[in-house]
Amino acid sequence: MAQEESRRASPGGGAPEEGRRASPGGGAPEESRRASPGGGAPEGLTAWRVYLYAVSFIALIVAIAGAVNLIAIAIEVFVYPAPQPYPVPQYYPELPGSVAQVAVGLVVWGYHWMLLKKEH
C-alpha cells in the first residue's frame, strides 16, 4: 500500500530519472521548461545558430576586406595619383574583385543575420 502511494506521488510512477530533476510543480523534467514560449526548439546555442553566426561573421570579414581594398584604390586614385607625362587610361585590377567581395559579403551577411533575428 505504501508503495502505491509513493508511485502516485511522483510523476511517471517512480523516482525521477537519474540526471534529471523534476520541476518544483511535479510536472515535466527541467529540460522541457527551457523550451521557447512558442513551443519550438529549446533556447540556447544550437548547431543551426552556430552555423548562422559563423557564416555571418565570415561574410562580414569578407565585406570588410573588400571595403579596405576599395578605400586603398580610392586613395591611390584621388589622393596620391601616379605622375604621368601624358594622360593614360588607368586600369585597377583589384577593383572588380573588391566590389564583388563587398557585394557578396554584405548580401550573405544580411541574409544570415536576418535569419538569426527571425529566431528571436
C-alpha atoms as a PDB file:
ATOM      1  CA  MET A   1       0.000   0.000   0.000  1.00  0.00           C
ATOM      2  CA  ALA A   2       2.798   2.422   0.857  1.00  0.00           C
ATOM      3  CA  GLN A   3       4.442   1.613  -2.477  1.00  0.00           C
ATOM      4  CA  GLU A   4       1.289   2.584  -4.380  1.00  0.00           C
ATOM      5  CA  GLU A   5       1.120   5.948  -2.629  1.00  0.00           C
ATOM      6  CA  SER A   6       4.767   6.680  -3.385  1.00  0.00           C
ATOM      7  CA  ARG A   7       4.172   5.830  -7.069  1.00  0.00           C
ATOM      8  CA  ARG A   8       1.202   8.188  -7.214  1.00  0.00           C
ATOM      9  CA  ALA A   9       3.204  10.979  -5.551  1.00  0.00           C
ATOM     10  CA  SER A  10       5.978  11.037  -8.147  1.00  0.00           C
ATOM     11  CA  PRO A  11       5.158  11.671 -11.810  1.00  0.00           C
ATOM     12  CA  GLY A  12       5.879   8.752 -14.102  1.00  0.00           C
ATOM     13  CA  GLY A  13       5.283   6.134 -11.424  1.00  0.00           C
ATOM     14  CA  GLY A  14       8.735   6.021  -9.875  1.00  0.00           C
ATOM     15  CA  ALA A  15      11.635   8.129  -8.786  1.00  0.00           C
ATOM     16  CA  PRO A  16      12.794  10.779 -11.256  1.00  0.00           C
ATOM     17  CA  GLU A  17      15.341   9.526 -13.758  1.00  0.00           C
ATOM     18  CA  GLU A  18      18.986   9.848 -12.838  1.00  0.00           C
ATOM     19  CA  GLY A  19      20.466  13.140 -14.063  1.00  0.00           C
ATOM     20  CA  ARG A  20      17.077  14.818 -14.476  1.00  0.00           C
ATOM     21  CA  ARG A  21      15.367  16.789 -11.807  1.00  0.00           C
ATOM     22  CA  ALA A  22      11.635  17.014 -11.597  1.00  0.00           C
ATOM     23  CA  SER A  23      10.263  20.507 -11.761  1.00  0.00           C
ATOM     24  CA  PRO A  24       9.027  22.030  -8.498  1.00  0.00           C
ATOM     25  CA  GLY A  25       5.373  21.694  -9.548  1.00  0.00           C
ATOM     26  CA  GLY A  26       5.776  17.958 -10.043  1.00  0.00           C
ATOM     27  CA  GLY A  27       5.338  18.282 -13.805  1.00  0.00           C
ATOM     28  CA  ALA A  28       7.774  17.591 -16.578  1.00  0.00           C
ATOM     29  CA  PRO A  29      11.528  17.480 -16.052  1.00  0.00           C
ATOM     30  CA  GLU A  30      13.561  20.673 -16.078  1.00  0.00           C
ATOM     31  CA  GLU A  31      14.722  20.281 -19.714  1.00  0.00           C
ATOM     32  CA  SER A  32      11.215  20.814 -21.041  1.00  0.00           C
ATOM     33  CA  ARG A  33      10.925  24.140 -19.219  1.00  0.00           C
ATOM     34  CA  ARG A  34      13.751  25.564 -21.331  1.00  0.00           C
ATOM     35  CA  ALA A  35      11.642  25.372 -24.475  1.00  0.00           C
ATOM     36  CA  SER A  36      10.839  28.650 -26.148  1.00  0.00           C
ATOM     37  CA  PRO A  37       7.453  30.291 -25.467  1.00  0.00           C
ATOM     38  CA  GLY A  38       6.194  29.391 -28.936  1.00  0.00           C
ATOM     39  CA  GLY A  39       6.702  25.706 -28.216  1.00  0.00           C
ATOM     40  CA  GLY A  40       9.610  25.467 -30.692  1.00  0.00           C
ATOM     41  CA  ALA A  41      13.146  24.296 -30.155  1.00  0.00           C
ATOM     42  CA  PRO A  42      14.846  24.909 -26.825  1.00  0.00           C
ATOM     43  CA  GLU A  43      16.632  28.207 -26.329  1.00  0.00           C
ATOM     44  CA  GLY A  44      20.399  28.232 -26.325  1.00  0.00           C
ATOM     45  CA  LEU A  45      23.209  27.609 -28.738  1.00  0.00           C
ATOM     46  CA  THR A  46      22.123  25.031 -31.301  1.00  0.00           C
ATOM     47  CA  ALA A  47      24.101  23.774 -34.286  1.00  0.00           C
ATOM     48  CA  TRP A  48      21.891  25.871 -36.574  1.00  0.00           C
ATOM     49  CA  ARG A  49      22.631  29.051 -34.628  1.00  0.00           C
ATOM     50  CA  VAL A  50      26.353  28.306 -34.560  1.00  0.00           C
ATOM     51  CA  TYR A  51      26.232  27.903 -38.350  1.00  0.00           C
ATOM     52  CA  LEU A  52      24.338  31.179 -38.791  1.00  0.00           C
ATOM     53  CA  TYR A  53      26.718  33.110 -36.538  1.00  0.00           C
ATOM     54  CA  ALA A  54      29.796  31.588 -38.204  1.00  0.00           C
ATOM     55  CA  VAL A  55      28.624  32.351 -41.747  1.00  0.00           C
ATOM     56  CA  SER A  56      27.567  35.861 -40.712  1.00  0.00           C
ATOM     57  CA  PHE A  57      30.964  36.506 -39.152  1.00  0.00           C
ATOM     58  CA  ILE A  58      32.909  35.190 -42.161  1.00  0.00           C
ATOM     59  CA  ALA A  59      30.742  37.133 -44.631  1.00  0.00           C
ATOM     60  CA  LEU A  60      31.229  40.318 -42.639  1.00  0.00           C
ATOM     61  CA  ILE A  61      35.012  39.802 -42.627  1.00  0.00           C
ATOM     62  CA  VAL A  62      34.946  39.304 -46.427  1.00  0.00           C
ATOM     63  CA  ALA A  63      32.911  42.504 -46.879  1.00  0.00           C
ATOM     64  CA  ILE A  64      35.286  44.454 -44.622  1.00  0.00           C
ATOM     65  CA  ALA A  65      38.335  43.166 -46.525  1.00  0.00           C
ATOM     66  CA  GLY A  66      36.748  44.251 -49.811  1.00  0.00           C
ATOM     67  CA  ALA A  67      35.918  47.667 -48.364  1.00  0.00           C
ATOM     68  CA  VAL A  68      39.520  48.107 -47.209  1.00  0.00           C
ATOM     69  CA  ASN A  69      40.725  47.308 -50.741  1.00  0.00           C
ATOM     70  CA  LEU A  70      38.228  49.814 -52.194  1.00  0.00           C
ATOM     71  CA  ILE A  71      39.472  52.501 -49.810  1.00  0.00           C
ATOM     72  CA  ALA A  72      43.067  51.753 -50.819  1.00  0.00           C
ATOM     73  CA  ILE A  73      42.144  52.066 -54.513  1.00  0.00           C
ATOM     74  CA  ALA A  74      40.264  55.320 -53.858  1.00  0.00           C
ATOM     75  CA  ILE A  75      43.289  56.753 -52.049  1.00  0.00           C
ATOM     76  CA  GLU A  76      45.542  55.697 -54.913  1.00  0.00           C
ATOM     77  CA  VAL A  77      43.227  57.314 -57.491  1.00  0.00           C
ATOM     78  CA  PHE A  78      42.184  60.535 -55.766  1.00  0.00           C
ATOM     79  CA  VAL A  79      44.739  61.350 -53.088  1.00  0.00           C
ATOM     80  CA  TYR A  80      48.053  60.088 -54.447  1.00  0.00           C
ATOM     81  CA  PRO A  81      47.707  59.661 -58.214  1.00  0.00           C
ATOM     82  CA  ALA A  82      50.788  58.428 -60.029  1.00  0.00           C
ATOM     83  CA  PRO A  83      52.571  61.167 -62.008  1.00  0.00           C
ATOM     84  CA  GLN A  84      52.094  60.740 -65.739  1.00  0.00           C
ATOM     85  CA  PRO A  85      53.769  62.592 -68.614  1.00  0.00           C
ATOM     86  CA  TYR A  86      50.602  62.284 -70.718  1.00  0.00           C
ATOM     87  CA  PRO A  87      47.060  61.007 -69.984  1.00  0.00           C
ATOM     88  CA  VAL A  88      46.867  57.243 -70.000  1.00  0.00           C
ATOM     89  CA  PRO A  89      43.712  55.295 -69.176  1.00  0.00           C
ATOM     90  CA  GLN A  90      44.154  53.707 -65.784  1.00  0.00           C
ATOM     91  CA  TYR A  91      43.287  50.119 -65.027  1.00  0.00           C
ATOM     92  CA  TYR A  92      42.945  48.897 -61.459  1.00  0.00           C
ATOM     93  CA  PRO A  93      42.914  45.089 -61.471  1.00  0.00           C
ATOM     94  CA  GLU A  94      41.876  44.902 -57.811  1.00  0.00           C
ATOM     95  CA  LEU A  95      38.704  46.936 -58.350  1.00  0.00           C
ATOM     96  CA  PRO A  96      36.316  44.228 -59.691  1.00  0.00           C
ATOM     97  CA  GLY A  97      37.350  41.732 -57.014  1.00  0.00           C
ATOM     98  CA  SER A  98      36.937  44.286 -54.239  1.00  0.00           C
ATOM     99  CA  VAL A  99      33.493  45.325 -55.423  1.00  0.00           C
ATOM    100  CA  ALA A 100      32.469  41.659 -55.653  1.00  0.00           C
ATOM    101  CA  GLN A 101      33.772  40.995 -52.127  1.00  0.00           C
ATOM    102  CA  VAL A 102      31.753  43.858 -50.695  1.00  0.00           C
ATOM    103  CA  ALA A 103      28.578  42.976 -52.610  1.00  0.00           C
ATOM    104  CA  VAL A 104      28.619  39.236 -51.937  1.00  0.00           C
ATOM    105  CA  GLY A 105      29.806  39.621 -48.349  1.00  0.00           C
ATOM    106  CA  LEU A 106      27.043  42.084 -47.487  1.00  0.00           C
ATOM    107  CA  VAL A 107      24.314  40.016 -49.182  1.00  0.00           C
ATOM    108  CA  VAL A 108      25.378  36.787 -47.457  1.00  0.00           C
ATOM    109  CA  TRP A 109      25.795  38.545 -44.116  1.00  0.00           C
ATOM    110  CA  GLY A 110      22.423  40.301 -44.418  1.00  0.00           C
ATOM    111  CA  TYR A 111      20.574  37.097 -45.289  1.00  0.00           C
ATOM    112  CA  HIS A 112      22.050  35.051 -42.453  1.00  0.00           C
ATOM    113  CA  TRP A 113      21.680  37.892 -39.946  1.00  0.00           C
ATOM    114  CA  MET A 114      18.013  38.226 -40.940  1.00  0.00           C
ATOM    115  CA  LEU A 115      17.522  34.500 -40.262  1.00  0.00           C
ATOM    116  CA  LEU A 116      19.097  34.940 -36.835  1.00  0.00           C
ATOM    117  CA  LYS A 117      16.809  37.853 -35.991  1.00  0.00           C
ATOM    118  CA  LYS A 118      13.729  35.860 -37.053  1.00  0.00           C
ATOM    119  CA  GLU A 119      14.574  33.195 -34.468  1.00  0.00           C
ATOM    120  CA  HIS A 120      14.456  35.687 -31.597  1.00  0.00           C
END
